[in-house]
Amino acid sequence: MQTTENLIEAVLEDSGLTLHQLAVICAVEPEWVTRHIDEGLLHPLPQQHSEWRFSSAHLVRVRRIVSIERNFEALPELAALVADMQEEIDDLRRRLRRAGLE
């Protein structure tokens, strides 16, 4: 049986979040998201509709960036770089677990 988190992730991966939904969940203005996309710090899913869509991975990334910007008064570019490093660490940990080394 899937956990609630897995179910939510499956739904997100199937249809994705809209710009407005992502902004509401992350407690930012839609303009904040748009500005970060324009600056190349966020990359929405390839457009299949007339609007951007965002996955669960985007949700985690935006939450990280928002947290870093707010807690450390970091520039958006620096916050995105830290988020990149956190994503890489998470990926390396997953690889270690799959290899049975962690």
C-alpha atoms as a PDB file:
ATOM      1  CA  MET A   1       0.000   0.000   0.000  1.00  0.00           C
ATOM      2  CA  GLN A   2       1.337   3.416  -0.954  1.00  0.00           C
ATOM      3  CA  THR A   3       1.924   6.046   1.658  1.00  0.00           C
ATOM      4  CA  THR A   4       0.135   9.365   1.354  1.00  0.00           C
ATOM      5  CA  GLU A   5       3.416  11.015   0.352  1.00  0.00           C
ATOM      6  CA  ASN A   6       3.929   8.504  -2.478  1.00  0.00           C
ATOM      7  CA  LEU A   7       0.362   9.015  -3.642  1.00  0.00           C
ATOM      8  CA  ILE A   8       0.760  12.806  -3.681  1.00  0.00           C
ATOM      9  CA  GLU A   9       4.034  12.475  -5.577  1.00  0.00           C
ATOM     10  CA  ALA A  10       2.390  10.183  -8.151  1.00  0.00           C
ATOM     11  CA  VAL A  11      -0.433  12.676  -8.693  1.00  0.00           C
ATOM     12  CA  LEU A  12       2.053  15.537  -9.026  1.00  0.00           C
ATOM     13  CA  GLU A  13       4.129  13.623 -11.548  1.00  0.00           C
ATOM     14  CA  ASP A  14       1.020  12.811 -13.550  1.00  0.00           C
ATOM     15  CA  SER A  15      -0.474  16.291 -13.829  1.00  0.00           C
ATOM     16  CA  GLY A  16       1.950  18.668 -12.099  1.00  0.00           C
ATOM     17  CA  LEU A  17       1.268  21.867 -10.219  1.00  0.00           C
ATOM     18  CA  THR A  18       0.318  25.115 -11.904  1.00  0.00           C
ATOM     19  CA  LEU A  19       2.294  28.290 -11.285  1.00  0.00           C
ATOM     20  CA  HIS A  20      -0.400  29.549  -8.916  1.00  0.00           C
ATOM     21  CA  GLN A  21      -0.594  26.250  -6.991  1.00  0.00           C
ATOM     22  CA  LEU A  22       3.185  26.127  -6.571  1.00  0.00           C
ATOM     23  CA  ALA A  23       3.278  29.722  -5.367  1.00  0.00           C
ATOM     24  CA  VAL A  24       0.474  29.159  -2.840  1.00  0.00           C
ATOM     25  CA  ILE A  25       2.024  25.975  -1.439  1.00  0.00           C
ATOM     26  CA  CYS A  26       5.429  27.656  -1.085  1.00  0.00           C
ATOM     27  CA  ALA A  27       4.000  30.924   0.290  1.00  0.00           C
ATOM     28  CA  VAL A  28       5.480  33.104  -2.446  1.00  0.00           C
ATOM     29  CA  GLU A  29       3.957  35.356  -5.068  1.00  0.00           C
ATOM     30  CA  PRO A  30       3.589  33.927  -8.587  1.00  0.00           C
ATOM     31  CA  GLU A  31       5.901  36.756  -9.697  1.00  0.00           C
ATOM     32  CA  TRP A  32       8.628  35.302  -7.441  1.00  0.00           C
ATOM     33  CA  VAL A  33       8.401  31.997  -9.326  1.00  0.00           C
ATOM     34  CA  THR A  34       8.288  33.730 -12.717  1.00  0.00           C
ATOM     35  CA  ARG A  35      11.329  35.870 -11.848  1.00  0.00           C
ATOM     36  CA  HIS A  36      13.317  32.766 -10.829  1.00  0.00           C
ATOM     37  CA  ILE A  37      12.336  31.050 -14.092  1.00  0.00           C
ATOM     38  CA  ASP A  38      13.382  34.122 -16.104  1.00  0.00           C
ATOM     39  CA  GLU A  39      16.731  34.144 -14.269  1.00  0.00           C
ATOM     40  CA  GLY A  40      17.288  30.463 -15.116  1.00  0.00           C
ATOM     41  CA  LEU A  41      17.088  29.302 -11.487  1.00  0.00           C
ATOM     42  CA  LEU A  42      13.951  27.187 -11.986  1.00  0.00           C
ATOM     43  CA  HIS A  43      13.001  25.129 -15.015  1.00  0.00           C
ATOM     44  CA  PRO A  44       9.343  24.139 -15.356  1.00  0.00           C
ATOM     45  CA  LEU A  45       8.318  20.911 -17.035  1.00  0.00           C
ATOM     46  CA  PRO A  46       8.219  21.031 -20.823  1.00  0.00           C
ATOM     47  CA  GLN A  47       4.992  22.765 -21.754  1.00  0.00           C
ATOM     48  CA  GLN A  48       2.241  20.458 -22.895  1.00  0.00           C
ATOM     49  CA  HIS A  49      -0.438  23.028 -22.175  1.00  0.00           C
ATOM     50  CA  SER A  50      -0.537  26.777 -22.394  1.00  0.00           C
ATOM     51  CA  GLU A  51       0.792  27.104 -18.837  1.00  0.00           C
ATOM     52  CA  TRP A  52       3.846  25.949 -16.940  1.00  0.00           C
ATOM     53  CA  ARG A  53       3.652  22.794 -14.816  1.00  0.00           C
ATOM     54  CA  PHE A  54       5.837  21.834 -11.880  1.00  0.00           C
ATOM     55  CA  SER A  55       6.711  18.425 -10.415  1.00  0.00           C
ATOM     56  CA  SER A  56       7.270  17.323  -6.831  1.00  0.00           C
ATOM     57  CA  ALA A  57      11.006  17.877  -7.389  1.00  0.00           C
ATOM     58  CA  HIS A  58      10.232  21.506  -8.303  1.00  0.00           C
ATOM     59  CA  LEU A  59       8.206  21.827  -5.121  1.00  0.00           C
ATOM     60  CA  VAL A  60      11.142  20.637  -2.998  1.00  0.00           C
ATOM     61  CA  ARG A  61      13.563  22.927  -4.881  1.00  0.00           C
ATOM     62  CA  VAL A  62      11.368  26.018  -4.507  1.00  0.00           C
ATOM     63  CA  ARG A  63      10.885  25.358  -0.802  1.00  0.00           C
ATOM     64  CA  ARG A  64      14.651  25.052  -0.351  1.00  0.00           C
ATOM     65  CA  ILE A  65      15.385  28.226  -2.286  1.00  0.00           C
ATOM     66  CA  VAL A  66      12.713  30.188  -0.419  1.00  0.00           C
ATOM     67  CA  SER A  67      14.043  28.956   2.921  1.00  0.00           C
ATOM     68  CA  ILE A  68      17.637  29.864   2.078  1.00  0.00           C
ATOM     69  CA  GLU A  69      16.679  33.287   0.728  1.00  0.00           C
ATOM     70  CA  ARG A  70      14.573  34.113   3.788  1.00  0.00           C
ATOM     71  CA  ASN A  71      16.680  32.576   6.548  1.00  0.00           C
ATOM     72  CA  PHE A  72      20.043  33.792   5.306  1.00  0.00           C
ATOM     73  CA  GLU A  73      18.983  36.817   3.251  1.00  0.00           C
ATOM     74  CA  ALA A  74      20.765  35.138   0.365  1.00  0.00           C
ATOM     75  CA  LEU A  75      20.747  36.331  -3.208  1.00  0.00           C
ATOM     76  CA  PRO A  76      18.574  34.143  -5.445  1.00  0.00           C
ATOM     77  CA  GLU A  77      21.611  32.874  -7.365  1.00  0.00           C
ATOM     78  CA  LEU A  78      23.353  31.774  -4.170  1.00  0.00           C
ATOM     79  CA  ALA A  79      20.180  30.137  -2.825  1.00  0.00           C
ATOM     80  CA  ALA A  80      19.783  28.214  -6.102  1.00  0.00           C
ATOM     81  CA  LEU A  81      23.425  27.104  -5.955  1.00  0.00           C
ATOM     82  CA  VAL A  82      22.943  25.774  -2.421  1.00  0.00           C
ATOM     83  CA  ALA A  83      19.752  24.005  -3.571  1.00  0.00           C
ATOM     84  CA  ASP A  84      21.750  22.461  -6.453  1.00  0.00           C
ATOM     85  CA  MET A  85      24.311  21.135  -3.987  1.00  0.00           C
ATOM     86  CA  GLN A  86      21.595  19.752  -1.692  1.00  0.00           C
ATOM     87  CA  GLU A  87      19.979  17.993  -4.671  1.00  0.00           C
ATOM     88  CA  GLU A  88      23.327  16.474  -5.614  1.00  0.00           C
ATOM     89  CA  ILE A  89      23.891  15.265  -2.042  1.00  0.00           C
ATOM     90  CA  ASP A  90      20.401  13.723  -1.999  1.00  0.00           C
ATOM     91  CA  ASP A  91      21.135  11.963  -5.300  1.00  0.00           C
ATOM     92  CA  LEU A  92      24.456  10.612  -4.031  1.00  0.00           C
ATOM     93  CA  ARG A  93      22.774   9.304  -0.866  1.00  0.00           C
ATOM     94  CA  ARG A  94      20.127   7.516  -2.969  1.00  0.00           C
ATOM     95  CA  ARG A  95      22.883   5.910  -5.035  1.00  0.00           C
ATOM     96  CA  LEU A  96      24.684   4.764  -1.899  1.00  0.00           C
ATOM     97  CA  ARG A  97      21.480   3.233  -0.509  1.00  0.00           C
ATOM     98  CA  ARG A  98      20.810   1.393  -3.776  1.00  0.00           C
ATOM     99  CA  ALA A  99      24.365   0.076  -3.764  1.00  0.00           C
ATOM    100  CA  GLY A 100      23.923  -1.039  -0.155  1.00  0.00           C
ATOM    101  CA  LEU A 101      26.754   1.176   1.044  1.00  0.00           C
ATOM    102  CA  GLU A 102      24.831   3.430   3.402  1.00  0.00           C
END
